[in-house]
């Protein structure tokens, strides 16, 4: 099980897990999945290509809305979680486990330093809900 306290987070409610020194896994947080409601469709915006921080990389459609997922860092997409095409609800059920969306090779590992820690993300969510 992924320990959320070891992840990095964005203000757009994405999480980043560092797999190796230059490889990460990306998904949306449980909070984001709750806000979206039942997820029914996941579409990748790009193939296994180079992306810049902030590029739109995934579209997530739920019963409530259509949401975009953005690259939290720059790099090359090395893997897409194709299982989400058949079972998009996995994001609702296991956002930090089987609900991951992409793996990337970082072009600049120092970009991770600009992301939030778990504690900072919890405070961000609390402030957003206040």
C-alpha atoms as a PDB file:
ATOM      1  CA  UNK A   1       0.000   0.000   0.000  1.00  0.00           C
ATOM      2  CA  UNK A   2       1.284   3.429  -0.905  1.00  0.00           C
ATOM      3  CA  UNK A   3       2.035   5.660   2.077  1.00  0.00           C
ATOM      4  CA  UNK A   4       0.433   9.017   1.240  1.00  0.00           C
ATOM      5  CA  UNK A   5       2.844  10.713   3.651  1.00  0.00           C
ATOM      6  CA  UNK A   6       5.712   9.906   1.247  1.00  0.00           C
ATOM      7  CA  UNK A   7       4.002  11.436  -1.782  1.00  0.00           C
ATOM      8  CA  UNK A   8       4.203  14.907  -3.290  1.00  0.00           C
ATOM      9  CA  UNK A   9       1.039  16.898  -4.064  1.00  0.00           C
ATOM     10  CA  UNK A  10      -0.157  19.762  -6.277  1.00  0.00           C
ATOM     11  CA  UNK A  11      -2.813  22.420  -5.768  1.00  0.00           C
ATOM     12  CA  UNK A  12      -4.751  20.692  -8.573  1.00  0.00           C
ATOM     13  CA  UNK A  13      -5.114  17.623  -6.293  1.00  0.00           C
ATOM     14  CA  UNK A  14      -2.624  15.403  -8.109  1.00  0.00           C
ATOM     15  CA  UNK A  15      -0.177  13.162  -6.309  1.00  0.00           C
ATOM     16  CA  UNK A  16       3.334  12.178  -7.341  1.00  0.00           C
ATOM     17  CA  UNK A  17       5.174   9.102  -6.112  1.00  0.00           C
ATOM     18  CA  UNK A  18       8.914   8.933  -6.626  1.00  0.00           C
ATOM     19  CA  UNK A  19       9.700   5.403  -7.859  1.00  0.00           C
ATOM     20  CA  UNK A  20      13.415   5.918  -8.607  1.00  0.00           C
ATOM     21  CA  UNK A  21      15.727   8.937  -8.762  1.00  0.00           C
ATOM     22  CA  UNK A  22      14.286   9.937 -12.139  1.00  0.00           C
ATOM     23  CA  UNK A  23      10.983   8.030 -12.408  1.00  0.00           C
ATOM     24  CA  UNK A  24       7.623   9.019 -10.915  1.00  0.00           C
ATOM     25  CA  UNK A  25       4.024   7.824 -10.900  1.00  0.00           C
ATOM     26  CA  UNK A  26       1.114  10.288 -11.073  1.00  0.00           C
ATOM     27  CA  UNK A  27      -2.544  10.140 -10.081  1.00  0.00           C
ATOM     28  CA  UNK A  28      -5.313  12.207  -8.503  1.00  0.00           C
ATOM     29  CA  UNK A  29      -5.904  12.295  -4.774  1.00  0.00           C
ATOM     30  CA  UNK A  30      -8.731  10.633  -2.895  1.00  0.00           C
ATOM     31  CA  UNK A  31     -10.036  14.144  -2.213  1.00  0.00           C
ATOM     32  CA  UNK A  32     -10.201  14.868  -5.948  1.00  0.00           C
ATOM     33  CA  UNK A  33     -11.894  11.540  -6.629  1.00  0.00           C
ATOM     34  CA  UNK A  34     -14.526  12.305  -3.965  1.00  0.00           C
ATOM     35  CA  UNK A  35     -15.180  15.745  -5.470  1.00  0.00           C
ATOM     36  CA  UNK A  36     -15.570  14.268  -8.957  1.00  0.00           C
ATOM     37  CA  UNK A  37     -17.981  11.536  -7.923  1.00  0.00           C
ATOM     38  CA  UNK A  38     -18.193   8.221  -9.775  1.00  0.00           C
ATOM     39  CA  UNK A  39     -15.542   8.197 -12.496  1.00  0.00           C
ATOM     40  CA  UNK A  40     -16.774   6.648 -15.736  1.00  0.00           C
ATOM     41  CA  UNK A  41     -14.094   7.415 -18.350  1.00  0.00           C
ATOM     42  CA  UNK A  42     -10.354   8.150 -18.575  1.00  0.00           C
ATOM     43  CA  UNK A  43      -8.742   9.494 -21.743  1.00  0.00           C
ATOM     44  CA  UNK A  44      -5.035  10.115 -22.262  1.00  0.00           C
ATOM     45  CA  UNK A  45      -4.203  13.360 -24.093  1.00  0.00           C
ATOM     46  CA  UNK A  46      -0.833  12.266 -25.336  1.00  0.00           C
ATOM     47  CA  UNK A  47       1.075   9.127 -26.149  1.00  0.00           C
ATOM     48  CA  UNK A  48       4.422   8.273 -24.639  1.00  0.00           C
ATOM     49  CA  UNK A  49       5.723  11.767 -25.295  1.00  0.00           C
ATOM     50  CA  UNK A  50       7.671  14.520 -23.639  1.00  0.00           C
ATOM     51  CA  UNK A  51       5.495  16.939 -21.649  1.00  0.00           C
ATOM     52  CA  UNK A  52       6.129  20.194 -19.840  1.00  0.00           C
ATOM     53  CA  UNK A  53       4.952  20.982 -16.324  1.00  0.00           C
ATOM     54  CA  UNK A  54       1.338  22.134 -16.614  1.00  0.00           C
ATOM     55  CA  UNK A  55       0.545  20.300 -19.862  1.00  0.00           C
ATOM     56  CA  UNK A  56      -2.830  18.570 -19.951  1.00  0.00           C
ATOM     57  CA  UNK A  57      -2.140  14.823 -19.931  1.00  0.00           C
ATOM     58  CA  UNK A  58      -5.388  13.073 -18.910  1.00  0.00           C
ATOM     59  CA  UNK A  59      -9.110  13.831 -19.077  1.00  0.00           C
ATOM     60  CA  UNK A  60     -11.263  12.231 -16.381  1.00  0.00           C
ATOM     61  CA  UNK A  61     -15.015  12.102 -16.878  1.00  0.00           C
ATOM     62  CA  UNK A  62     -17.318  11.467 -13.947  1.00  0.00           C
ATOM     63  CA  UNK A  63     -21.053  11.535 -13.428  1.00  0.00           C
ATOM     64  CA  UNK A  64     -20.639  15.127 -12.178  1.00  0.00           C
ATOM     65  CA  UNK A  65     -18.019  16.684 -14.463  1.00  0.00           C
ATOM     66  CA  UNK A  66     -15.123  16.451 -16.871  1.00  0.00           C
ATOM     67  CA  UNK A  67     -11.759  17.240 -15.258  1.00  0.00           C
ATOM     68  CA  UNK A  68      -8.270  17.656 -16.615  1.00  0.00           C
ATOM     69  CA  UNK A  69      -5.118  16.246 -15.058  1.00  0.00           C
ATOM     70  CA  UNK A  70      -1.950  18.234 -15.663  1.00  0.00           C
ATOM     71  CA  UNK A  71       1.675  17.149 -15.628  1.00  0.00           C
ATOM     72  CA  UNK A  72       2.960  18.232 -12.198  1.00  0.00           C
ATOM     73  CA  UNK A  73       6.531  18.178 -13.528  1.00  0.00           C
ATOM     74  CA  UNK A  74       8.297  18.036 -16.885  1.00  0.00           C
ATOM     75  CA  UNK A  75       9.465  14.774 -18.397  1.00  0.00           C
ATOM     76  CA  UNK A  76       8.706  11.924 -20.741  1.00  0.00           C
ATOM     77  CA  UNK A  77       5.641   9.739 -20.249  1.00  0.00           C
ATOM     78  CA  UNK A  78       6.888   6.155 -20.127  1.00  0.00           C
ATOM     79  CA  UNK A  79       3.709   4.291 -19.187  1.00  0.00           C
ATOM     80  CA  UNK A  80      -0.047   4.805 -19.105  1.00  0.00           C
ATOM     81  CA  UNK A  81      -2.302   2.802 -16.799  1.00  0.00           C
ATOM     82  CA  UNK A  82      -4.328   1.131 -19.540  1.00  0.00           C
ATOM     83  CA  UNK A  83      -6.358  -0.787 -16.927  1.00  0.00           C
ATOM     84  CA  UNK A  84      -8.241   2.461 -16.245  1.00  0.00           C
ATOM     85  CA  UNK A  85      -9.774   2.274 -19.729  1.00  0.00           C
ATOM     86  CA  UNK A  86     -11.669  -0.837 -18.660  1.00  0.00           C
ATOM     87  CA  UNK A  87     -12.105   0.068 -14.976  1.00  0.00           C
ATOM     88  CA  UNK A  88     -12.035   3.856 -14.458  1.00  0.00           C
ATOM     89  CA  UNK A  89     -13.820   3.419 -11.135  1.00  0.00           C
ATOM     90  CA  UNK A  90     -10.509   2.158  -9.749  1.00  0.00           C
ATOM     91  CA  UNK A  91      -9.610   5.827  -9.212  1.00  0.00           C
ATOM     92  CA  UNK A  92     -12.546   6.160  -6.786  1.00  0.00           C
ATOM     93  CA  UNK A  93     -11.772   2.852  -5.084  1.00  0.00           C
ATOM     94  CA  UNK A  94      -7.970   3.062  -4.835  1.00  0.00           C
ATOM     95  CA  UNK A  95      -6.689   6.491  -5.865  1.00  0.00           C
ATOM     96  CA  UNK A  96      -3.200   5.854  -4.447  1.00  0.00           C
ATOM     97  CA  UNK A  97      -2.916   2.250  -5.617  1.00  0.00           C
ATOM     98  CA  UNK A  98      -4.434   0.884  -8.833  1.00  0.00           C
ATOM     99  CA  UNK A  99      -5.826   4.342  -9.659  1.00  0.00           C
ATOM    100  CA  UNK A 100      -2.468   5.733 -10.780  1.00  0.00           C
ATOM    101  CA  UNK A 101      -2.551   7.252 -14.271  1.00  0.00           C
ATOM    102  CA  UNK A 102       0.942   7.769 -15.670  1.00  0.00           C
ATOM    103  CA  UNK A 103       4.582   7.028 -15.108  1.00  0.00           C
ATOM    104  CA  UNK A 104       7.164   9.572 -16.230  1.00  0.00           C
ATOM    105  CA  UNK A 105      10.912   9.944 -16.482  1.00  0.00           C
ATOM    106  CA  UNK A 106      11.766  13.341 -15.006  1.00  0.00           C
ATOM    107  CA  UNK A 107      13.659  15.849 -17.093  1.00  0.00           C
ATOM    108  CA  UNK A 108      14.457  17.938 -13.992  1.00  0.00           C
ATOM    109  CA  UNK A 109      14.158  16.107 -10.649  1.00  0.00           C
ATOM    110  CA  UNK A 110      14.456  19.418  -8.775  1.00  0.00           C
ATOM    111  CA  UNK A 111      10.913  20.285  -9.940  1.00  0.00           C
ATOM    112  CA  UNK A 112       9.682  17.918  -7.217  1.00  0.00           C
ATOM    113  CA  UNK A 113      10.932  20.452  -4.658  1.00  0.00           C
ATOM    114  CA  UNK A 114       8.143  22.858  -5.701  1.00  0.00           C
ATOM    115  CA  UNK A 115       5.405  20.337  -4.834  1.00  0.00           C
ATOM    116  CA  UNK A 116       3.674  20.051  -1.447  1.00  0.00           C
ATOM    117  CA  UNK A 117       4.348  17.503   1.261  1.00  0.00           C
ATOM    118  CA  UNK A 118       1.471  15.477   2.707  1.00  0.00           C
ATOM    119  CA  UNK A 119       1.144  17.855   5.684  1.00  0.00           C
ATOM    120  CA  UNK A 120       1.154  20.918   3.410  1.00  0.00           C
ATOM    121  CA  UNK A 121      -1.453  19.301   1.166  1.00  0.00           C
ATOM    122  CA  UNK A 122      -3.716  18.475   4.131  1.00  0.00           C
ATOM    123  CA  UNK A 123      -3.489  22.128   5.257  1.00  0.00           C
ATOM    124  CA  UNK A 124      -4.218  23.285   1.678  1.00  0.00           C
ATOM    125  CA  UNK A 125      -7.358  21.115   1.481  1.00  0.00           C
ATOM    126  CA  UNK A 126      -8.522  22.289   4.917  1.00  0.00           C
ATOM    127  CA  UNK A 127      -8.068  25.938   3.897  1.00  0.00           C
ATOM    128  CA  UNK A 128      -9.872  25.300   0.602  1.00  0.00           C
ATOM    129  CA  UNK A 129     -12.850  23.795   2.431  1.00  0.00           C
ATOM    130  CA  UNK A 130     -13.005  26.549   5.065  1.00  0.00           C
END
